[in-house]
Amino acid sequence: MNPIFHYPVYLGVRLIWFVLRLLPAHRAYPLGAAAGRRFFCLAGSRKRVAIENILRTGVAADRAEAARLARASVAHFVGHALEGLKVSDFLTPEHAAQNITRNVPEASRALLETPGQPVLLLTPHLGSWEVGLGVAAAMKPVMVLASTLRNPLVQRFMESHLRGGIEVYPKRNGFSPAMIKRWGEGRILGLAVDQHAGRHGIWLDFMGRPACIHTSPARLHLCTGYPVIVGAFVRTGPLRYHMDVSEPLAFALTGDRERDTIAILETINRQFETFIRRYPEQYLWSHRRWRQRPETVRRRF
């Protein structure tokens, strides 16, 4: 974007934000979900991708059921996007105690709550991950690697208003030494790593089909030795949620970097699959996750 447009766009975002602030928190998800259901009918290629992904993974038995799940997924995604903008309005300790149920093994709870203990927390694009970040930040400081906008004014505004208190590092910079150092001070590093990895990934089985997988979780664990947990934060009702967390993942490391990378990623994939099959209506199916494998693949270990 041309820098001359940065300020006008920023003012437009501020105006939209002001309008959204007038929307009661409990109305955000229903409004977004209704818009998502209408958008689904016009989604074209994204609609087809979602339905085909569901059928290929065997989550639905027939096309009618796949279409129903795909429509519910799009509705949830848009609803979650709007509800995520209202997190600061309703997510208090009192609200969390009354409206969030938890399935968190004791070993994982200790890692998430112990000061000074770095943790790698992985999640698929499932449920209400923006709300989940706020819940995780109540346990200990959280940092995330995320795509950033080219407009610095809008980027700073979004970080301060949508992810207040969460450190956001640009994905384009990768895992810098400064970021690794901050993580090592005892933070949760949250990553959503279930999307197509392109030239940066390796091809492994995911949901019964070959997919290009990000290697970063394995490389981070092999580099640091910090514990890895997989979690899902799903919506169960109006401003009500369920936190589902795995046991700390255990890996039988051999010292062979290639074999260890594959073993770690396969363990993570199986845990992702468990959550996705448990809550299919809240998974982002419209991403082109399963693609044609190229004839020549550059393997990164």
C-alpha atoms as a PDB file:
ATOM      1  CA  MET A   1       0.000   0.000   0.000  1.00  0.00           C
ATOM      2  CA  ASN A   2       1.214   3.480  -0.881  1.00  0.00           C
ATOM      3  CA  PRO A   3       2.146   5.287   2.375  1.00  0.00           C
ATOM      4  CA  ILE A   4      -0.006   8.230   1.315  1.00  0.00           C
ATOM      5  CA  PHE A   5      -3.086   6.062   1.965  1.00  0.00           C
ATOM      6  CA  HIS A   6      -1.987   4.851   5.407  1.00  0.00           C
ATOM      7  CA  TYR A   7      -3.670   7.599   7.393  1.00  0.00           C
ATOM      8  CA  PRO A   8      -7.028   7.620   5.505  1.00  0.00           C
ATOM      9  CA  VAL A   9      -7.252   3.823   5.852  1.00  0.00           C
ATOM     10  CA  TYR A  10      -6.374   4.116   9.522  1.00  0.00           C
ATOM     11  CA  LEU A  11      -9.201   6.627  10.022  1.00  0.00           C
ATOM     12  CA  GLY A  12     -11.582   4.249   8.264  1.00  0.00           C
ATOM     13  CA  VAL A  13     -10.574   1.415  10.572  1.00  0.00           C
ATOM     14  CA  ARG A  14     -11.102   3.676  13.567  1.00  0.00           C
ATOM     15  CA  LEU A  15     -14.603   4.522  12.307  1.00  0.00           C
ATOM     16  CA  ILE A  16     -15.492   0.845  11.832  1.00  0.00           C
ATOM     17  CA  TRP A  17     -14.117   0.129  15.290  1.00  0.00           C
ATOM     18  CA  PHE A  18     -16.280   2.876  16.786  1.00  0.00           C
ATOM     19  CA  VAL A  19     -19.407   1.390  15.182  1.00  0.00           C
ATOM     20  CA  LEU A  20     -18.524  -2.104  16.373  1.00  0.00           C
ATOM     21  CA  ARG A  21     -17.978  -0.837  19.894  1.00  0.00           C
ATOM     22  CA  LEU A  22     -21.678   0.048  19.998  1.00  0.00           C
ATOM     23  CA  LEU A  23     -22.587  -3.588  19.331  1.00  0.00           C
ATOM     24  CA  PRO A  24     -23.307  -5.582  22.518  1.00  0.00           C
ATOM     25  CA  ALA A  25     -20.865  -8.457  22.972  1.00  0.00           C
ATOM     26  CA  HIS A  26     -23.568 -11.125  23.006  1.00  0.00           C
ATOM     27  CA  ARG A  27     -24.846  -9.891  19.620  1.00  0.00           C
ATOM     28  CA  ALA A  28     -21.495 -10.080  17.826  1.00  0.00           C
ATOM     29  CA  TYR A  29     -21.372 -13.813  17.107  1.00  0.00           C
ATOM     30  CA  PRO A  30     -25.004 -14.176  15.916  1.00  0.00           C
ATOM     31  CA  LEU A  31     -24.553 -11.188  13.608  1.00  0.00           C
ATOM     32  CA  GLY A  32     -21.322 -12.546  12.163  1.00  0.00           C
ATOM     33  CA  ALA A  33     -22.684 -16.088  11.843  1.00  0.00           C
ATOM     34  CA  ALA A  34     -25.732 -14.816   9.941  1.00  0.00           C
ATOM     35  CA  ALA A  35     -23.460 -12.894   7.587  1.00  0.00           C
ATOM     36  CA  GLY A  36     -21.273 -15.990   7.171  1.00  0.00           C
ATOM     37  CA  ARG A  37     -24.223 -18.183   6.229  1.00  0.00           C
ATOM     38  CA  ARG A  38     -25.267 -15.679   3.569  1.00  0.00           C
ATOM     39  CA  PHE A  39     -21.702 -15.330   2.312  1.00  0.00           C
ATOM     40  CA  PHE A  40     -21.393 -19.113   1.998  1.00  0.00           C
ATOM     41  CA  CYS A  41     -23.993 -19.180  -0.768  1.00  0.00           C
ATOM     42  CA  LEU A  42     -21.846 -16.731  -2.766  1.00  0.00           C
ATOM     43  CA  ALA A  43     -18.415 -18.070  -1.797  1.00  0.00           C
ATOM     44  CA  GLY A  44     -17.816 -19.873  -5.104  1.00  0.00           C
ATOM     45  CA  SER A  45     -14.424 -21.586  -5.088  1.00  0.00           C
ATOM     46  CA  ARG A  46     -14.051 -21.353  -1.291  1.00  0.00           C
ATOM     47  CA  LYS A  47     -17.366 -23.147  -0.882  1.00  0.00           C
ATOM     48  CA  ARG A  48     -16.225 -25.930  -3.217  1.00  0.00           C
ATOM     49  CA  VAL A  49     -12.861 -26.206  -1.475  1.00  0.00           C
ATOM     50  CA  ALA A  50     -14.493 -26.545   1.940  1.00  0.00           C
ATOM     51  CA  ILE A  51     -16.923 -29.250   0.788  1.00  0.00           C
ATOM     52  CA  GLU A  52     -14.199 -31.214  -1.022  1.00  0.00           C
ATOM     53  CA  ASN A  53     -11.869 -31.010   1.995  1.00  0.00           C
ATOM     54  CA  ILE A  54     -14.556 -32.415   4.268  1.00  0.00           C
ATOM     55  CA  LEU A  55     -15.345 -35.248   1.866  1.00  0.00           C
ATOM     56  CA  ARG A  56     -11.682 -36.137   1.305  1.00  0.00           C
ATOM     57  CA  THR A  57     -11.008 -36.463   5.025  1.00  0.00           C
ATOM     58  CA  GLY A  58     -14.056 -38.652   5.622  1.00  0.00           C
ATOM     59  CA  VAL A  59     -15.514 -36.277   8.214  1.00  0.00           C
ATOM     60  CA  ALA A  60     -18.831 -36.350   6.334  1.00  0.00           C
ATOM     61  CA  ALA A  61     -20.349 -39.410   4.668  1.00  0.00           C
ATOM     62  CA  ASP A  62     -22.009 -37.601   1.768  1.00  0.00           C
ATOM     63  CA  ARG A  63     -22.041 -34.253  -0.024  1.00  0.00           C
ATOM     64  CA  ALA A  64     -25.184 -33.007   1.733  1.00  0.00           C
ATOM     65  CA  GLU A  65     -23.586 -33.479   5.150  1.00  0.00           C
ATOM     66  CA  ALA A  66     -20.324 -31.966   3.883  1.00  0.00           C
ATOM     67  CA  ALA A  67     -22.209 -28.893   2.650  1.00  0.00           C
ATOM     68  CA  ARG A  68     -23.898 -28.526   6.028  1.00  0.00           C
ATOM     69  CA  LEU A  69     -20.560 -28.696   7.857  1.00  0.00           C
ATOM     70  CA  ALA A  70     -18.924 -26.290   5.401  1.00  0.00           C
ATOM     71  CA  ARG A  71     -21.724 -23.763   5.839  1.00  0.00           C
ATOM     72  CA  ALA A  72     -21.524 -24.080   9.637  1.00  0.00           C
ATOM     73  CA  SER A  73     -17.741 -23.621   9.452  1.00  0.00           C
ATOM     74  CA  VAL A  74     -17.972 -20.383   7.461  1.00  0.00           C
ATOM     75  CA  ALA A  75     -20.717 -19.084   9.756  1.00  0.00           C
ATOM     76  CA  HIS A  76     -18.574 -19.870  12.794  1.00  0.00           C
ATOM     77  CA  PHE A  77     -15.475 -18.232  11.306  1.00  0.00           C
ATOM     78  CA  VAL A  78     -17.231 -14.922  10.606  1.00  0.00           C
ATOM     79  CA  GLY A  79     -19.067 -15.064  13.935  1.00  0.00           C
ATOM     80  CA  HIS A  80     -15.811 -15.713  15.760  1.00  0.00           C
ATOM     81  CA  ALA A  81     -14.134 -12.831  13.933  1.00  0.00           C
ATOM     82  CA  LEU A  82     -16.742 -10.393  15.247  1.00  0.00           C
ATOM     83  CA  GLU A  83     -16.861 -11.934  18.714  1.00  0.00           C
ATOM     84  CA  GLY A  84     -13.083 -11.705  18.869  1.00  0.00           C
ATOM     85  CA  LEU A  85     -13.363  -7.935  18.509  1.00  0.00           C
ATOM     86  CA  LYS A  86     -15.411  -7.818  21.719  1.00  0.00           C
ATOM     87  CA  VAL A  87     -13.117  -9.896  23.946  1.00  0.00           C
ATOM     88  CA  SER A  88     -12.086  -6.973  26.111  1.00  0.00           C
ATOM     89  CA  ASP A  89     -15.759  -6.207  26.785  1.00  0.00           C
ATOM     90  CA  PHE A  90     -16.628  -9.510  28.433  1.00  0.00           C
ATOM     91  CA  LEU A  91     -13.541 -11.610  29.212  1.00  0.00           C
ATOM     92  CA  THR A  92     -13.031 -10.931  32.916  1.00  0.00           C
ATOM     93  CA  PRO A  93     -11.823 -13.414  35.567  1.00  0.00           C
ATOM     94  CA  GLU A  94     -15.400 -13.641  36.852  1.00  0.00           C
ATOM     95  CA  HIS A  95     -16.789 -14.369  33.385  1.00  0.00           C
ATOM     96  CA  ALA A  96     -14.104 -16.973  32.704  1.00  0.00           C
ATOM     97  CA  ALA A  97     -14.812 -18.770  35.982  1.00  0.00           C
ATOM     98  CA  GLN A  98     -18.527 -19.050  35.202  1.00  0.00           C
ATOM     99  CA  ASN A  99     -18.518 -19.558  31.428  1.00  0.00           C
ATOM    100  CA  ILE A 100     -15.396 -21.517  30.495  1.00  0.00           C
ATOM    101  CA  THR A 101     -15.130 -25.244  31.142  1.00  0.00           C
ATOM    102  CA  ARG A 102     -11.712 -26.855  31.053  1.00  0.00           C
ATOM    103  CA  ASN A 103     -10.258 -30.227  30.164  1.00  0.00           C
ATOM    104  CA  VAL A 104      -6.634 -29.540  31.098  1.00  0.00           C
ATOM    105  CA  PRO A 105      -4.437 -32.369  32.420  1.00  0.00           C
ATOM    106  CA  GLU A 106      -2.571 -31.496  35.593  1.00  0.00           C
ATOM    107  CA  ALA A 107       0.836 -31.751  33.908  1.00  0.00           C
ATOM    108  CA  SER A 108      -0.235 -29.287  31.205  1.00  0.00           C
ATOM    109  CA  ARG A 109      -1.813 -26.944  33.737  1.00  0.00           C
ATOM    110  CA  ALA A 110       1.450 -26.831  35.670  1.00  0.00           C
ATOM    111  CA  LEU A 111       3.406 -25.930  32.537  1.00  0.00           C
ATOM    112  CA  LEU A 112       0.942 -23.201  31.582  1.00  0.00           C
ATOM    113  CA  GLU A 113       0.798 -21.648  35.040  1.00  0.00           C
ATOM    114  CA  THR A 114       4.369 -22.043  36.346  1.00  0.00           C
ATOM    115  CA  PRO A 115       6.237 -18.713  36.117  1.00  0.00           C
ATOM    116  CA  GLY A 116       9.427 -18.834  34.124  1.00  0.00           C
ATOM    117  CA  GLN A 117       8.498 -22.025  32.229  1.00  0.00           C
ATOM    118  CA  PRO A 118       8.501 -21.564  28.419  1.00  0.00           C
ATOM    119  CA  VAL A 119       5.801 -23.525  26.591  1.00  0.00           C
ATOM    120  CA  LEU A 120       5.023 -24.083  22.920  1.00  0.00           C
ATOM    121  CA  LEU A 121       1.217 -24.072  22.611  1.00  0.00           C
ATOM    122  CA  LEU A 122      -0.033 -25.274  19.225  1.00  0.00           C
ATOM    123  CA  THR A 123      -3.561 -25.109  17.855  1.00  0.00           C
ATOM    124  CA  PRO A 124      -5.299 -25.719  14.537  1.00  0.00           C
ATOM    125  CA  HIS A 125      -7.539 -22.999  13.074  1.00  0.00           C
ATOM    126  CA  LEU A 126     -10.385 -24.282  15.167  1.00  0.00           C
ATOM    127  CA  GLY A 127     -12.897 -22.792  17.560  1.00  0.00           C
ATOM    128  CA  SER A 128     -12.452 -19.332  19.068  1.00  0.00           C
ATOM    129  CA  TRP A 129      -8.694 -18.970  19.099  1.00  0.00           C
ATOM    130  CA  GLU A 130      -8.746 -15.174  19.564  1.00  0.00           C
ATOM    131  CA  VAL A 131     -10.729 -15.584  22.800  1.00  0.00           C
ATOM    132  CA  GLY A 132      -8.451 -18.459  23.755  1.00  0.00           C
ATOM    133  CA  LEU A 133      -5.402 -16.215  23.499  1.00  0.00           C
ATOM    134  CA  GLY A 134      -6.949 -13.926  26.087  1.00  0.00           C
ATOM    135  CA  VAL A 135      -7.527 -16.877  28.425  1.00  0.00           C
ATOM    136  CA  ALA A 136      -3.957 -18.110  27.955  1.00  0.00           C
ATOM    137  CA  ALA A 137      -2.613 -14.605  28.653  1.00  0.00           C
ATOM    138  CA  ALA A 138      -4.296 -14.740  32.069  1.00  0.00           C
ATOM    139  CA  MET A 139      -2.009 -17.684  32.936  1.00  0.00           C
ATOM    140  CA  LYS A 140       1.313 -16.199  31.841  1.00  0.00           C
ATOM    141  CA  PRO A 141       2.654 -13.791  29.170  1.00  0.00           C
ATOM    142  CA  VAL A 142       1.799 -14.871  25.608  1.00  0.00           C
ATOM    143  CA  MET A 143       3.596 -14.222  22.355  1.00  0.00           C
ATOM    144  CA  VAL A 144       2.456 -15.138  18.845  1.00  0.00           C
ATOM    145  CA  LEU A 145       3.911 -15.225  15.366  1.00  0.00           C
ATOM    146  CA  ALA A 146       1.376 -13.712  12.973  1.00  0.00           C
ATOM    147  CA  SER A 147       1.011 -12.056   9.599  1.00  0.00           C
ATOM    148  CA  THR A 148       1.202  -8.285   9.896  1.00  0.00           C
ATOM    149  CA  LEU A 149      -0.312  -5.497   7.814  1.00  0.00           C
ATOM    150  CA  ARG A 150       1.689  -3.198   5.594  1.00  0.00           C
ATOM    151  CA  ASN A 151      -0.047  -0.204   7.142  1.00  0.00           C
ATOM    152  CA  PRO A 152       1.894   0.415  10.391  1.00  0.00           C
ATOM    153  CA  LEU A 153      -0.832   2.662  11.840  1.00  0.00           C
ATOM    154  CA  VAL A 154      -3.511  -0.003  11.442  1.00  0.00           C
ATOM    155  CA  GLN A 155      -1.141  -2.706  12.666  1.00  0.00           C
ATOM    156  CA  ARG A 156      -0.353  -0.844  15.903  1.00  0.00           C
ATOM    157  CA  PHE A 157      -4.041  -0.092  16.416  1.00  0.00           C
ATOM    158  CA  MET A 158      -5.008  -3.748  15.991  1.00  0.00           C
ATOM    159  CA  GLU A 159      -2.277  -4.954  18.337  1.00  0.00           C
ATOM    160  CA  SER A 160      -3.292  -2.539  21.085  1.00  0.00           C
ATOM    161  CA  HIS A 161      -7.062  -3.056  20.746  1.00  0.00           C
ATOM    162  CA  LEU A 162      -7.462  -6.664  19.633  1.00  0.00           C
ATOM    163  CA  ARG A 163      -4.528  -8.416  21.261  1.00  0.00           C
ATOM    164  CA  GLY A 164      -3.778  -6.182  24.188  1.00  0.00           C
ATOM    165  CA  GLY A 165      -1.017  -7.589  26.364  1.00  0.00           C
ATOM    166  CA  ILE A 166      -0.009 -10.209  23.771  1.00  0.00           C
ATOM    167  CA  GLU A 167       3.326  -9.774  22.008  1.00  0.00           C
ATOM    168  CA  VAL A 168       2.901 -10.080  18.229  1.00  0.00           C
ATOM    169  CA  TYR A 169       5.955 -10.879  16.098  1.00  0.00           C
ATOM    170  CA  PRO A 170       5.812 -10.532  12.283  1.00  0.00           C
ATOM    171  CA  LYS A 171       5.691 -13.877  10.516  1.00  0.00           C
ATOM    172  CA  ARG A 172       7.879 -12.523   7.725  1.00  0.00           C
ATOM    173  CA  ASN A 173      10.784 -12.149  10.189  1.00  0.00           C
ATOM    174  CA  GLY A 174      10.635 -15.769  11.295  1.00  0.00           C
ATOM    175  CA  PHE A 175      11.924 -16.879  14.668  1.00  0.00           C
ATOM    176  CA  SER A 176      14.540 -14.254  15.448  1.00  0.00           C
ATOM    177  CA  PRO A 177      17.111 -14.676  18.252  1.00  0.00           C
ATOM    178  CA  ALA A 178      15.407 -11.838  20.137  1.00  0.00           C
ATOM    179  CA  MET A 179      12.071 -13.656  19.949  1.00  0.00           C
ATOM    180  CA  ILE A 180      13.570 -16.950  21.117  1.00  0.00           C
ATOM    181  CA  LYS A 181      15.217 -15.130  24.023  1.00  0.00           C
ATOM    182  CA  ARG A 182      11.899 -13.562  25.088  1.00  0.00           C
ATOM    183  CA  TRP A 183      10.225 -16.943  24.878  1.00  0.00           C
ATOM    184  CA  GLY A 184      12.933 -18.461  27.038  1.00  0.00           C
ATOM    185  CA  GLU A 185      12.129 -15.973  29.812  1.00  0.00           C
ATOM    186  CA  GLY A 186       8.994 -17.996  30.539  1.00  0.00           C
ATOM    187  CA  ARG A 187       6.343 -17.135  27.979  1.00  0.00           C
ATOM    188  CA  ILE A 188       3.753 -19.133  26.070  1.00  0.00           C
ATOM    189  CA  LEU A 189       4.509 -19.147  22.347  1.00  0.00           C
ATOM    190  CA  GLY A 190       1.223 -19.699  20.525  1.00  0.00           C
ATOM    191  CA  LEU A 191       1.249 -20.969  16.947  1.00  0.00           C
ATOM    192  CA  ALA A 192      -1.499 -22.061  14.548  1.00  0.00           C
ATOM    193  CA  VAL A 193       0.360 -24.398  12.194  1.00  0.00           C
ATOM    194  CA  ASP A 194      -2.218 -26.460  10.314  1.00  0.00           C
ATOM    195  CA  GLN A 195      -2.199 -24.533   7.024  1.00  0.00           C
ATOM    196  CA  HIS A 196      -0.430 -25.339   3.742  1.00  0.00           C
ATOM    197  CA  ALA A 197       3.291 -24.733   4.288  1.00  0.00           C
ATOM    198  CA  GLY A 198       4.314 -24.291   0.655  1.00  0.00           C
ATOM    199  CA  ARG A 199       8.032 -24.403  -0.048  1.00  0.00           C
ATOM    200  CA  HIS A 200       8.804 -24.228   3.674  1.00  0.00           C
ATOM    201  CA  GLY A 201       7.184 -27.549   4.612  1.00  0.00           C
ATOM    202  CA  ILE A 202       7.472 -31.298   4.245  1.00  0.00           C
ATOM    203  CA  TRP A 203       4.805 -33.722   2.988  1.00  0.00           C
ATOM    204  CA  LEU A 204       3.199 -35.990   5.581  1.00  0.00           C
ATOM    205  CA  ASP A 205      -0.179 -37.592   6.205  1.00  0.00           C
ATOM    206  CA  PHE A 206      -2.803 -35.261   7.665  1.00  0.00           C
ATOM    207  CA  MET A 207      -6.404 -36.400   8.127  1.00  0.00           C
ATOM    208  CA  GLY A 208      -5.696 -39.390   5.892  1.00  0.00           C
ATOM    209  CA  ARG A 209      -4.260 -37.441   2.948  1.00  0.00           C
ATOM    210  CA  PRO A 210      -0.811 -36.058   2.032  1.00  0.00           C
ATOM    211  CA  ALA A 211      -0.379 -32.416   3.048  1.00  0.00           C
ATOM    212  CA  CYS A 212       2.502 -29.970   3.232  1.00  0.00           C
ATOM    213  CA  ILE A 213       3.306 -29.486   6.936  1.00  0.00           C
ATOM    214  CA  HIS A 214       5.136 -26.643   8.678  1.00  0.00           C
ATOM    215  CA  THR A 215       8.328 -27.914  10.290  1.00  0.00           C
ATOM    216  CA  SER A 216       8.712 -25.002  12.724  1.00  0.00           C
ATOM    217  CA  PRO A 217       7.181 -26.768  15.781  1.00  0.00           C
ATOM    218  CA  ALA A 218       9.658 -29.628  15.434  1.00  0.00           C
ATOM    219  CA  ARG A 219      12.600 -27.340  14.784  1.00  0.00           C
ATOM    220  CA  LEU A 220      11.727 -25.166  17.777  1.00  0.00           C
ATOM    221  CA  HIS A 221      11.442 -28.167  20.083  1.00  0.00           C
ATOM    222  CA  LEU A 222      14.680 -29.736  18.848  1.00  0.00           C
ATOM    223  CA  CYS A 223      16.458 -26.394  19.247  1.00  0.00           C
ATOM    224  CA  THR A 224      15.176 -25.478  22.704  1.00  0.00           C
ATOM    225  CA  GLY A 225      13.802 -28.615  24.330  1.00  0.00           C
ATOM    226  CA  TYR A 226      10.817 -26.616  25.597  1.00  0.00           C
ATOM    227  CA  PRO A 227       7.626 -28.645  26.194  1.00  0.00           C
ATOM    228  CA  VAL A 228       4.916 -28.823  23.529  1.00  0.00           C
ATOM    229  CA  ILE A 229       1.167 -28.803  24.207  1.00  0.00           C
ATOM    230  CA  VAL A 230      -1.721 -28.905  21.718  1.00  0.00           C
ATOM    231  CA  GLY A 231      -4.934 -27.124  22.597  1.00  0.00           C
ATOM    232  CA  ALA A 232      -8.324 -26.179  21.210  1.00  0.00           C
ATOM    233  CA  PHE A 233     -10.609 -23.453  22.514  1.00  0.00           C
ATOM    234  CA  VAL A 234     -14.130 -24.011  21.216  1.00  0.00           C
ATOM    235  CA  ARG A 235     -17.390 -22.131  21.524  1.00  0.00           C
ATOM    236  CA  THR A 236     -20.211 -23.927  23.356  1.00  0.00           C
ATOM    237  CA  GLY A 237     -22.841 -21.182  23.574  1.00  0.00           C
ATOM    238  CA  PRO A 238     -23.334 -17.415  23.842  1.00  0.00           C
ATOM    239  CA  LEU A 239     -20.008 -16.171  25.274  1.00  0.00           C
ATOM    240  CA  ARG A 240     -19.413 -19.687  26.625  1.00  0.00           C
ATOM    241  CA  TYR A 241     -16.392 -21.818  25.756  1.00  0.00           C
ATOM    242  CA  HIS A 242     -14.532 -25.057  26.422  1.00  0.00           C
ATOM    243  CA  MET A 243     -10.761 -25.286  26.760  1.00  0.00           C
ATOM    244  CA  ASP A 244      -9.467 -28.687  25.587  1.00  0.00           C
ATOM    245  CA  VAL A 245      -5.745 -29.288  26.130  1.00  0.00           C
ATOM    246  CA  SER A 246      -3.570 -32.328  25.482  1.00  0.00           C
ATOM    247  CA  GLU A 247      -1.065 -33.874  27.818  1.00  0.00           C
ATOM    248  CA  PRO A 248       2.458 -32.525  27.197  1.00  0.00           C
ATOM    249  CA  LEU A 249       3.534 -34.300  24.037  1.00  0.00           C
ATOM    250  CA  ALA A 250       6.237 -36.935  24.420  1.00  0.00           C
ATOM    251  CA  PHE A 251       8.680 -37.725  21.606  1.00  0.00           C
ATOM    252  CA  ALA A 252      11.074 -40.661  21.355  1.00  0.00           C
ATOM    253  CA  LEU A 253      14.045 -38.764  19.915  1.00  0.00           C
ATOM    254  CA  THR A 254      16.831 -40.669  18.170  1.00  0.00           C
ATOM    255  CA  GLY A 255      19.342 -37.951  17.389  1.00  0.00           C
ATOM    256  CA  ASP A 256      18.589 -38.277  13.674  1.00  0.00           C
ATOM    257  CA  ARG A 257      17.225 -34.825  12.793  1.00  0.00           C
ATOM    258  CA  GLU A 258      15.122 -35.992   9.863  1.00  0.00           C
ATOM    259  CA  ARG A 259      13.540 -38.904  11.708  1.00  0.00           C
ATOM    260  CA  ASP A 260      12.949 -36.803  14.820  1.00  0.00           C
ATOM    261  CA  THR A 261      11.350 -33.965  12.837  1.00  0.00           C
ATOM    262  CA  ILE A 262       8.945 -36.371  11.153  1.00  0.00           C
ATOM    263  CA  ALA A 263       8.108 -38.117  14.437  1.00  0.00           C
ATOM    264  CA  ILE A 264       7.348 -34.818  16.191  1.00  0.00           C
ATOM    265  CA  LEU A 265       5.175 -33.524  13.362  1.00  0.00           C
ATOM    266  CA  GLU A 266       3.257 -36.795  13.077  1.00  0.00           C
ATOM    267  CA  THR A 267       2.505 -36.704  16.806  1.00  0.00           C
ATOM    268  CA  ILE A 268       1.260 -33.125  16.499  1.00  0.00           C
ATOM    269  CA  ASN A 269      -0.829 -33.987  13.427  1.00  0.00           C
ATOM    270  CA  ARG A 270      -2.573 -36.851  15.222  1.00  0.00           C
ATOM    271  CA  GLN A 271      -3.509 -34.525  18.082  1.00  0.00           C
ATOM    272  CA  PHE A 272      -4.774 -31.891  15.641  1.00  0.00           C
ATOM    273  CA  GLU A 273      -6.872 -34.549  13.924  1.00  0.00           C
ATOM    274  CA  THR A 274      -8.455 -35.556  17.228  1.00  0.00           C
ATOM    275  CA  PHE A 275      -9.634 -32.019  17.898  1.00  0.00           C
ATOM    276  CA  ILE A 276     -10.782 -31.377  14.315  1.00  0.00           C
ATOM    277  CA  ARG A 277     -12.882 -34.549  14.211  1.00  0.00           C
ATOM    278  CA  ARG A 278     -14.297 -33.709  17.639  1.00  0.00           C
ATOM    279  CA  TYR A 279     -15.404 -30.191  16.597  1.00  0.00           C
ATOM    280  CA  PRO A 280     -15.720 -30.219  12.762  1.00  0.00           C
ATOM    281  CA  GLU A 281     -18.263 -27.381  12.598  1.00  0.00           C
ATOM    282  CA  GLN A 282     -15.676 -25.004  14.073  1.00  0.00           C
ATOM    283  CA  TYR A 283     -12.727 -25.865  11.815  1.00  0.00           C
ATOM    284  CA  LEU A 284     -11.603 -23.611   8.946  1.00  0.00           C
ATOM    285  CA  TRP A 285     -12.290 -26.001   6.047  1.00  0.00           C
ATOM    286  CA  SER A 286     -12.214 -23.377   3.297  1.00  0.00           C
ATOM    287  CA  HIS A 287      -8.404 -23.192   3.224  1.00  0.00           C
ATOM    288  CA  ARG A 288      -6.747 -25.113   0.366  1.00  0.00           C
ATOM    289  CA  ARG A 289      -5.055 -27.468   2.806  1.00  0.00           C
ATOM    290  CA  TRP A 290      -4.638 -30.508   0.552  1.00  0.00           C
ATOM    291  CA  ARG A 291      -2.937 -29.722  -2.749  1.00  0.00           C
ATOM    292  CA  GLN A 292      -1.129 -31.544  -5.519  1.00  0.00           C
ATOM    293  CA  ARG A 293       2.285 -32.631  -4.362  1.00  0.00           C
ATOM    294  CA  PRO A 294       5.013 -31.335  -6.706  1.00  0.00           C
ATOM    295  CA  GLU A 295       7.328 -33.801  -8.397  1.00  0.00           C
ATOM    296  CA  THR A 296      10.381 -32.261  -6.737  1.00  0.00           C
ATOM    297  CA  VAL A 297      10.183 -31.448  -3.042  1.00  0.00           C
ATOM    298  CA  ARG A 298      12.826 -29.605  -1.046  1.00  0.00           C
ATOM    299  CA  ARG A 299      12.841 -31.180   2.415  1.00  0.00           C
ATOM    300  CA  ARG A 300      13.705 -28.866   5.327  1.00  0.00           C
ATOM    301  CA  PHE A 301      15.085 -30.501   8.451  1.00  0.00           C
END
